[in-house]
Amino acid sequence: MIASLSGTILKIEENSLVVNVGGVGVRTFVPKTVLENVGGVGRSIQLYTHLIVREQELSLYGFETEEDLQLFEVLLGVNGVGPKVALSILATLSPEMLKSAIMREETAVLQRVPGIGKKTAERIMFQLRDKLDLTQVSTAVPLVSDVDADVIDFLTGLGFSIVEAQSALQNIPRDVKSFDERVQMALQHLDQG
């Protein structure tokens, strides 16, 4: 029904944006990655959207790319995955990481997403295996190691965003393996930024 919207950001909320579209403030729920990249109130934004109609409410979900929107819609088709969990998946994993995890059947990657346990991760794997085009997925997509997952948890616990934590980890040489050294180098990188 509403395929996209563009306008000026009026307000940034915890998990949504209020966008002025033709004089109307439209609340749009977005992944945390979008919230971290919007730049602030008064900026222009364009989002690809999905409208969910329920008996008592209309909810609009917005995404920066059509690929993210399509992935959100596919995730909604999985039993037990609602819009909040689907947004959480898109905020935690890039589309490439999600597809790579499904191709490799690595449920542990999905279990790192807040709100997803082992059974839900297995259900997502099973139901999405045939629905996603996995032919173009690079096997070289780096999945988050256990140490890096712990470093991300530690950094987000200190108040850094997931995007900041992942960016800091990308700047650490792979030969640095220990948790303590990786945290120290990540913090040094974040202090410089």
Protein backbone atom coordinates (compact mmCIF):
# COMPACT_ATOMS: atom_id res chain seq x y z
CA MET A 1 0.00 0.00 0.00
CA ILE A 2 2.74 2.49 0.96
CA ALA A 3 5.80 1.39 -1.03
CA SER A 4 8.15 4.19 -0.02
CA LEU A 5 8.30 7.59 1.58
CA SER A 6 10.63 10.53 1.53
CA GLY A 7 10.67 13.60 3.66
CA THR A 8 12.38 15.43 6.49
CA ILE A 9 13.14 13.80 9.83
CA LEU A 10 11.10 15.52 12.57
CA LYS A 11 12.02 13.25 15.47
CA ILE A 12 14.35 10.35 16.23
CA GLU A 13 12.91 7.88 18.73
CA GLU A 14 14.32 4.72 20.31
CA ASN A 15 13.24 2.41 17.48
CA SER A 16 11.55 4.70 14.98
CA LEU A 17 11.69 7.95 13.06
CA VAL A 18 8.94 10.52 12.61
CA VAL A 19 9.23 11.76 9.03
CA ASN A 20 7.42 14.84 7.71
CA VAL A 21 5.79 13.75 4.46
CA GLY A 22 3.73 16.51 2.90
CA GLY A 23 2.94 18.09 6.25
CA VAL A 24 2.07 14.80 7.96
CA GLY A 25 4.37 13.24 10.57
CA VAL A 26 4.65 9.55 9.74
CA ARG A 27 6.12 7.27 12.44
CA THR A 28 8.23 4.61 10.75
CA PHE A 29 9.90 1.77 12.64
CA VAL A 30 13.43 1.20 11.37
CA PRO A 31 16.41 -1.06 12.19
CA LYS A 32 18.97 0.41 14.62
CA THR A 33 21.46 0.66 11.74
CA VAL A 34 19.16 3.22 10.05
CA LEU A 35 18.81 5.19 13.30
CA GLU A 36 22.60 5.34 13.62
CA ASN A 37 23.08 6.58 10.04
CA VAL A 38 20.32 9.22 9.68
CA GLY A 39 22.48 12.14 10.75
CA GLY A 40 19.91 13.99 12.82
CA VAL A 41 16.65 15.91 12.88
CA GLY A 42 16.04 18.11 9.84
CA ARG A 43 17.82 15.79 7.39
CA SER A 44 16.08 14.39 4.33
CA ILE A 45 15.50 10.67 4.11
CA GLN A 46 14.02 8.16 1.72
CA LEU A 47 12.84 4.77 2.95
CA TYR A 48 11.39 1.70 1.27
CA THR A 49 8.43 0.69 3.41
CA HIS A 50 6.22 -2.18 4.50
CA LEU A 51 2.83 -1.49 6.09
CA ILE A 52 1.42 -3.96 8.63
CA VAL A 53 -2.32 -3.68 9.23
CA ARG A 54 -3.73 -5.07 12.45
CA GLU A 55 -7.16 -4.73 13.98
CA GLN A 56 -6.12 -1.92 16.35
CA GLU A 57 -3.09 -0.41 14.62
CA LEU A 58 -1.26 0.41 11.42
CA SER A 59 2.54 0.07 11.63
CA LEU A 60 4.96 1.26 8.97
CA TYR A 61 8.47 -0.22 8.72
CA GLY A 62 11.18 1.51 6.73
CA PHE A 63 14.50 0.44 5.17
CA GLU A 64 17.35 2.15 3.35
CA THR A 65 17.51 -0.41 0.53
CA GLU A 66 15.04 -2.55 -1.37
CA GLU A 67 17.15 -5.61 -0.49
CA ASP A 68 16.65 -4.95 3.24
CA LEU A 69 12.90 -4.51 2.67
CA GLN A 70 12.66 -7.78 0.73
CA LEU A 71 14.63 -9.62 3.40
CA PHE A 72 12.32 -8.16 6.10
CA GLU A 73 9.27 -9.39 4.18
CA VAL A 74 10.78 -12.88 3.76
CA LEU A 75 11.61 -12.99 7.49
CA LEU A 76 8.00 -12.11 8.34
CA GLY A 77 6.96 -15.27 6.52
CA VAL A 78 8.81 -17.43 9.07
CA ASN A 79 6.64 -18.90 11.83
CA GLY A 80 7.35 -17.12 15.11
CA VAL A 81 9.17 -14.15 13.55
CA GLY A 82 7.31 -10.89 13.92
CA PRO A 83 8.34 -7.40 12.85
CA LYS A 84 10.39 -6.68 16.01
CA VAL A 85 12.48 -9.84 15.66
CA ALA A 86 12.90 -9.27 11.90
CA LEU A 87 14.14 -5.71 12.61
CA SER A 88 16.52 -7.08 15.23
CA ILE A 89 17.95 -9.56 12.71
CA LEU A 90 18.49 -6.81 10.12
CA ALA A 91 20.12 -4.57 12.74
CA THR A 92 22.53 -7.29 13.86
CA LEU A 93 23.37 -9.11 10.62
CA SER A 94 24.01 -7.75 7.14
CA PRO A 95 22.02 -9.48 4.37
CA GLU A 96 25.25 -11.16 3.22
CA MET A 97 26.02 -12.48 6.72
CA LEU A 98 22.47 -13.81 7.12
CA LYS A 99 22.54 -15.57 3.74
CA SER A 100 25.99 -16.96 4.40
CA ALA A 101 24.91 -18.29 7.81
CA ILE A 102 21.86 -19.95 6.23
CA MET A 103 23.97 -21.45 3.44
CA ARG A 104 26.45 -22.84 5.99
CA GLU A 105 23.64 -23.81 8.40
CA GLU A 106 25.30 -21.96 11.26
CA THR A 107 22.47 -21.40 13.73
CA ALA A 108 24.91 -19.92 16.27
CA VAL A 109 25.16 -16.78 14.12
CA LEU A 110 21.39 -16.26 14.32
CA GLN A 111 21.36 -16.99 18.05
CA ARG A 112 23.51 -13.89 18.61
CA VAL A 113 20.51 -11.79 17.57
CA PRO A 114 18.58 -10.53 20.62
CA GLY A 115 15.27 -12.41 20.89
CA ILE A 116 16.34 -15.51 18.94
CA GLY A 117 16.90 -18.81 20.65
CA LYS A 118 18.05 -22.14 19.25
CA LYS A 119 14.61 -23.34 18.05
CA THR A 120 13.77 -20.06 16.34
CA ALA A 121 17.21 -19.99 14.69
CA GLU A 122 16.69 -23.52 13.38
CA ARG A 123 13.20 -22.63 12.13
CA ILE A 124 14.56 -19.56 10.30
CA MET A 125 17.31 -21.69 8.71
CA PHE A 126 14.86 -24.35 7.58
CA GLN A 127 12.21 -22.00 6.21
CA LEU A 128 14.56 -19.53 4.48
CA ARG A 129 16.85 -22.06 2.83
CA ASP A 130 14.51 -22.36 -0.17
CA LYS A 131 13.19 -18.79 -0.15
CA LEU A 132 16.48 -16.89 -0.47
CA ASP A 133 18.76 -16.83 -3.50
CA LEU A 134 21.92 -18.29 -2.02
CA THR A 135 23.69 -18.85 -5.35
CA GLN A 136 25.46 -15.48 -5.24
CA VAL A 137 26.55 -15.72 -1.60
CA SER A 138 30.28 -15.54 -1.18
CA THR A 139 31.69 -18.19 1.11
CA ALA A 140 34.33 -15.63 2.00
CA VAL A 141 31.83 -13.49 3.94
CA PRO A 142 33.41 -13.27 7.37
CA LEU A 143 31.07 -14.42 10.10
CA VAL A 144 31.63 -13.09 13.56
CA SER A 145 33.94 -15.31 15.59
CA ASP A 146 33.08 -16.15 19.20
CA VAL A 147 35.81 -13.78 20.45
CA ASP A 148 34.53 -10.97 18.22
CA ALA A 149 30.96 -11.61 19.37
CA ASP A 150 32.18 -11.25 22.97
CA VAL A 151 34.03 -8.03 22.05
CA ILE A 152 30.87 -6.65 20.39
CA ASP A 153 28.82 -7.55 23.48
CA PHE A 154 31.41 -5.84 25.70
CA LEU A 155 31.53 -2.67 23.57
CA THR A 156 27.75 -2.39 23.25
CA GLY A 157 27.57 -2.85 27.02
CA LEU A 158 29.77 0.26 27.30
CA GLY A 159 27.28 2.20 25.18
CA PHE A 160 28.79 1.91 21.70
CA SER A 161 26.47 0.95 18.84
CA ILE A 162 26.74 -2.39 17.06
CA VAL A 163 27.86 -0.56 13.91
CA GLU A 164 30.64 1.25 15.83
CA ALA A 165 31.76 -2.01 17.45
CA GLN A 166 31.82 -3.89 14.14
CA SER A 167 33.66 -1.02 12.45
CA ALA A 168 36.29 -1.01 15.19
CA LEU A 169 36.75 -4.78 14.85
CA GLN A 170 37.32 -4.47 11.11
CA ASN A 171 40.37 -2.30 11.82
CA ILE A 172 42.04 -4.87 14.07
CA PRO A 173 44.55 -7.24 12.46
CA ARG A 174 43.34 -10.84 12.28
CA ASP A 175 46.52 -12.10 13.94
CA VAL A 176 45.44 -10.43 17.22
CA LYS A 177 43.42 -13.28 18.71
CA SER A 178 42.92 -12.68 22.44
CA PHE A 179 39.79 -11.04 23.80
CA ASP A 180 41.70 -8.53 25.94
CA GLU A 181 43.94 -7.36 23.09
CA ARG A 182 41.01 -7.08 20.67
CA VAL A 183 39.00 -5.03 23.21
CA GLN A 184 41.98 -2.76 23.88
CA MET A 185 42.62 -2.17 20.16
CA ALA A 186 38.89 -1.63 19.48
CA LEU A 187 38.71 0.99 22.26
CA GLN A 188 41.81 2.73 20.87
CA HIS A 189 40.18 2.86 17.43
CA LEU A 190 36.91 4.21 18.89
CA ASP A 191 38.80 6.90 20.85
CA GLN A 192 40.46 8.10 17.64
CA GLY A 193 37.14 8.27 15.78
